[in-house]
C-alpha atoms as a PDB file:
ATOM      1  CA  UNK A   1      17.389 163.504   5.953  1.00  0.00           C
ATOM      2  CA  UNK A   2      19.111 162.585   9.233  1.00  0.00           C
ATOM      3  CA  UNK A   3      19.013 166.242  10.314  1.00  0.00           C
ATOM      4  CA  UNK A   4      15.280 166.345   9.667  1.00  0.00           C
ATOM      5  CA  UNK A   5      14.704 163.137  11.668  1.00  0.00           C
ATOM      6  CA  UNK A   6      16.674 164.509  14.624  1.00  0.00           C
ATOM      7  CA  UNK A   7      14.658 167.714  14.484  1.00  0.00           C
ATOM      8  CA  UNK A   8      11.365 165.803  14.373  1.00  0.00           C
ATOM      9  CA  UNK A   9      12.461 163.607  17.293  1.00  0.00           C
ATOM     10  CA  UNK A  10      13.387 166.729  19.266  1.00  0.00           C
ATOM     11  CA  UNK A  11       9.978 168.334  18.696  1.00  0.00           C
ATOM     12  CA  UNK A  12       8.025 165.160  19.488  1.00  0.00           C
ATOM     13  CA  UNK A  13      10.021 164.653  22.681  1.00  0.00           C
ATOM     14  CA  UNK A  14       9.641 168.315  23.657  1.00  0.00           C
ATOM     15  CA  UNK A  15       5.859 168.382  23.181  1.00  0.00           C
ATOM     16  CA  UNK A  16       5.377 165.007  24.887  1.00  0.00           C
ATOM     17  CA  UNK A  17       7.356 166.295  27.860  1.00  0.00           C
ATOM     18  CA  UNK A  18       5.362 169.525  27.882  1.00  0.00           C
ATOM     19  CA  UNK A  19       2.080 167.608  27.812  1.00  0.00           C
ATOM     20  CA  UNK A  20       3.220 165.372  30.677  1.00  0.00           C
ATOM     21  CA  UNK A  21       4.374 168.378  32.724  1.00  0.00           C
ATOM     22  CA  UNK A  22       1.058 170.178  32.122  1.00  0.00           C
ATOM     23  CA  UNK A  23      -0.921 167.110  33.142  1.00  0.00           C
ATOM     24  CA  UNK A  24       1.063 166.740  36.371  1.00  0.00           C
ATOM     25  CA  UNK A  25       0.792 170.428  37.285  1.00  0.00           C
ATOM     26  CA  UNK A  26      -2.953 170.540  36.662  1.00  0.00           C
ATOM     27  CA  UNK A  27      -3.654 167.406  38.712  1.00  0.00           C
ATOM     28  CA  UNK A  28      -1.273 168.045  41.595  1.00  0.00           C
ATOM     29  CA  UNK A  29      -2.284 171.656  42.201  1.00  0.00           C
ATOM     30  CA  UNK A  30      -6.031 170.991  42.323  1.00  0.00           C
ATOM     31  CA  UNK A  31      -7.849 172.355  45.350  1.00  0.00           C
ATOM     32  CA  UNK A  32      -9.787 169.605  47.121  1.00  0.00           C
ATOM     33  CA  UNK A  33     -13.554 169.587  46.637  1.00  0.00           C
ATOM     34  CA  UNK A  34     -15.519 171.417  49.334  1.00  0.00           C
ATOM     35  CA  UNK A  35     -17.021 168.175  50.662  1.00  0.00           C
ATOM     36  CA  UNK A  36     -13.514 166.959  51.576  1.00  0.00           C
ATOM     37  CA  UNK A  37     -13.265 169.715  54.198  1.00  0.00           C
ATOM     38  CA  UNK A  38     -14.442 169.367  57.799  1.00  0.00           C
ATOM     39  CA  UNK A  39     -17.766 170.800  58.931  1.00  0.00           C
ATOM     40  CA  UNK A  40     -18.105 172.295  62.393  1.00  0.00           C
ATOM     41  CA  UNK A  41     -21.250 173.320  64.230  1.00  0.00           C
ATOM     42  CA  UNK A  42     -21.020 176.827  65.637  1.00  0.00           C
ATOM     43  CA  UNK A  43     -21.451 176.939  69.413  1.00  0.00           C
ATOM     44  CA  UNK A  44     -22.532 179.912  71.513  1.00  0.00           C
ATOM     45  CA  UNK A  45     -19.661 182.382  71.729  1.00  0.00           C
ATOM     46  CA  UNK A  46     -17.716 180.928  68.784  1.00  0.00           C
ATOM     47  CA  UNK A  47     -15.907 183.355  66.510  1.00  0.00           C
ATOM     48  CA  UNK A  48     -14.031 182.711  63.291  1.00  0.00           C
ATOM     49  CA  UNK A  49     -10.897 184.022  65.011  1.00  0.00           C
ATOM     50  CA  UNK A  50     -11.389 181.472  67.805  1.00  0.00           C
ATOM     51  CA  UNK A  51     -12.067 178.626  65.362  1.00  0.00           C
ATOM     52  CA  UNK A  52      -8.909 179.520  63.423  1.00  0.00           C
ATOM     53  CA  UNK A  53      -6.914 179.264  66.641  1.00  0.00           C
ATOM     54  CA  UNK A  54      -8.700 176.094  67.810  1.00  0.00           C
ATOM     55  CA  UNK A  55      -7.870 174.242  64.581  1.00  0.00           C
ATOM     56  CA  UNK A  56      -4.476 175.892  64.031  1.00  0.00           C
ATOM     57  CA  UNK A  57      -2.614 172.571  64.278  1.00  0.00           C
ATOM     58  CA  UNK A  58      -4.708 171.216  61.389  1.00  0.00           C
ATOM     59  CA  UNK A  59      -4.249 173.976  58.796  1.00  0.00           C
ATOM     60  CA  UNK A  60      -1.397 175.994  57.366  1.00  0.00           C
ATOM     61  CA  UNK A  61      -3.212 179.321  56.982  1.00  0.00           C
ATOM     62  CA  UNK A  62      -2.783 182.548  58.867  1.00  0.00           C
ATOM     63  CA  UNK A  63      -5.744 183.498  61.041  1.00  0.00           C
ATOM     64  CA  UNK A  64      -6.812 186.149  58.519  1.00  0.00           C
ATOM     65  CA  UNK A  65      -6.548 183.693  55.605  1.00  0.00           C
ATOM     66  CA  UNK A  66      -8.546 181.096  57.595  1.00  0.00           C
ATOM     67  CA  UNK A  67     -11.311 183.644  58.221  1.00  0.00           C
ATOM     68  CA  UNK A  68     -11.318 184.798  54.581  1.00  0.00           C
ATOM     69  CA  UNK A  69     -11.553 181.183  53.372  1.00  0.00           C
ATOM     70  CA  UNK A  70     -14.464 180.382  55.723  1.00  0.00           C
ATOM     71  CA  UNK A  71     -16.341 183.546  54.740  1.00  0.00           C
ATOM     72  CA  UNK A  72     -15.882 182.875  51.027  1.00  0.00           C
ATOM     73  CA  UNK A  73     -16.675 179.137  51.038  1.00  0.00           C
ATOM     74  CA  UNK A  74     -19.703 179.481  53.320  1.00  0.00           C
ATOM     75  CA  UNK A  75     -20.920 182.757  51.826  1.00  0.00           C
ATOM     76  CA  UNK A  76     -21.036 184.426  55.239  1.00  0.00           C
ATOM     77  CA  UNK A  77     -19.481 187.337  57.080  1.00  0.00           C
ATOM     78  CA  UNK A  78     -17.933 186.914  60.513  1.00  0.00           C
ATOM     79  CA  UNK A  79     -20.657 189.050  62.062  1.00  0.00           C
ATOM     80  CA  UNK A  80     -23.290 186.636  60.637  1.00  0.00           C
ATOM     81  CA  UNK A  81     -22.045 183.578  62.567  1.00  0.00           C
ATOM     82  CA  UNK A  82     -25.024 181.923  64.263  1.00  0.00           C
ATOM     83  CA  UNK A  83     -25.174 179.269  66.972  1.00  0.00           C
ATOM     84  CA  UNK A  84     -26.102 175.858  65.540  1.00  0.00           C
ATOM     85  CA  UNK A  85     -24.978 176.803  62.031  1.00  0.00           C
ATOM     86  CA  UNK A  86     -22.778 174.274  60.235  1.00  0.00           C
ATOM     87  CA  UNK A  87     -19.829 175.724  58.358  1.00  0.00           C
ATOM     88  CA  UNK A  88     -16.933 174.342  56.360  1.00  0.00           C
ATOM     89  CA  UNK A  89     -13.457 175.053  57.701  1.00  0.00           C
ATOM     90  CA  UNK A  90     -10.188 174.741  55.739  1.00  0.00           C
ATOM     91  CA  UNK A  91      -9.189 171.493  57.434  1.00  0.00           C
ATOM     92  CA  UNK A  92      -9.396 168.281  55.454  1.00  0.00           C
ATOM     93  CA  UNK A  93     -11.684 165.698  57.075  1.00  0.00           C
ATOM     94  CA  UNK A  94      -8.963 163.045  56.894  1.00  0.00           C
ATOM     95  CA  UNK A  95      -6.473 165.258  58.706  1.00  0.00           C
ATOM     96  CA  UNK A  96      -8.988 166.195  61.393  1.00  0.00           C
ATOM     97  CA  UNK A  97     -10.044 162.561  61.919  1.00  0.00           C
ATOM     98  CA  UNK A  98      -6.412 161.458  62.235  1.00  0.00           C
ATOM     99  CA  UNK A  99      -5.761 164.154  64.854  1.00  0.00           C
ATOM    100  CA  UNK A 100      -8.851 163.161  66.859  1.00  0.00           C
ATOM    101  CA  UNK A 101      -7.866 159.486  66.785  1.00  0.00           C
ATOM    102  CA  UNK A 102      -4.342 160.312  67.951  1.00  0.00           C
ATOM    103  CA  UNK A 103      -5.662 162.410  70.862  1.00  0.00           C
ATOM    104  CA  UNK A 104      -7.982 159.657  72.115  1.00  0.00           C
ATOM    105  CA  UNK A 105      -5.324 156.935  72.120  1.00  0.00           C
END
């Protein structure tokens, strides 16, 4: 009977730990919602390459990954960039706002 109790305790502990681990992994690795990202207005002469370099301090992507992300999230191609258009960039609003505040102080 004691052997059976130890076995049951082991399985309950194992599955509880597995459930907790799964919960943590699913919640920590979530991509932020699109509305949490910064929006920029395209100016004359802007390119996705230039925007990637301009905001380089605020994201951890390579230039190519930045461009791919912008194209995918905004459903555009780099050749379709139009002046006055608002596009999402892979920089969280909070991070961008903190950088702007630091620069003005």
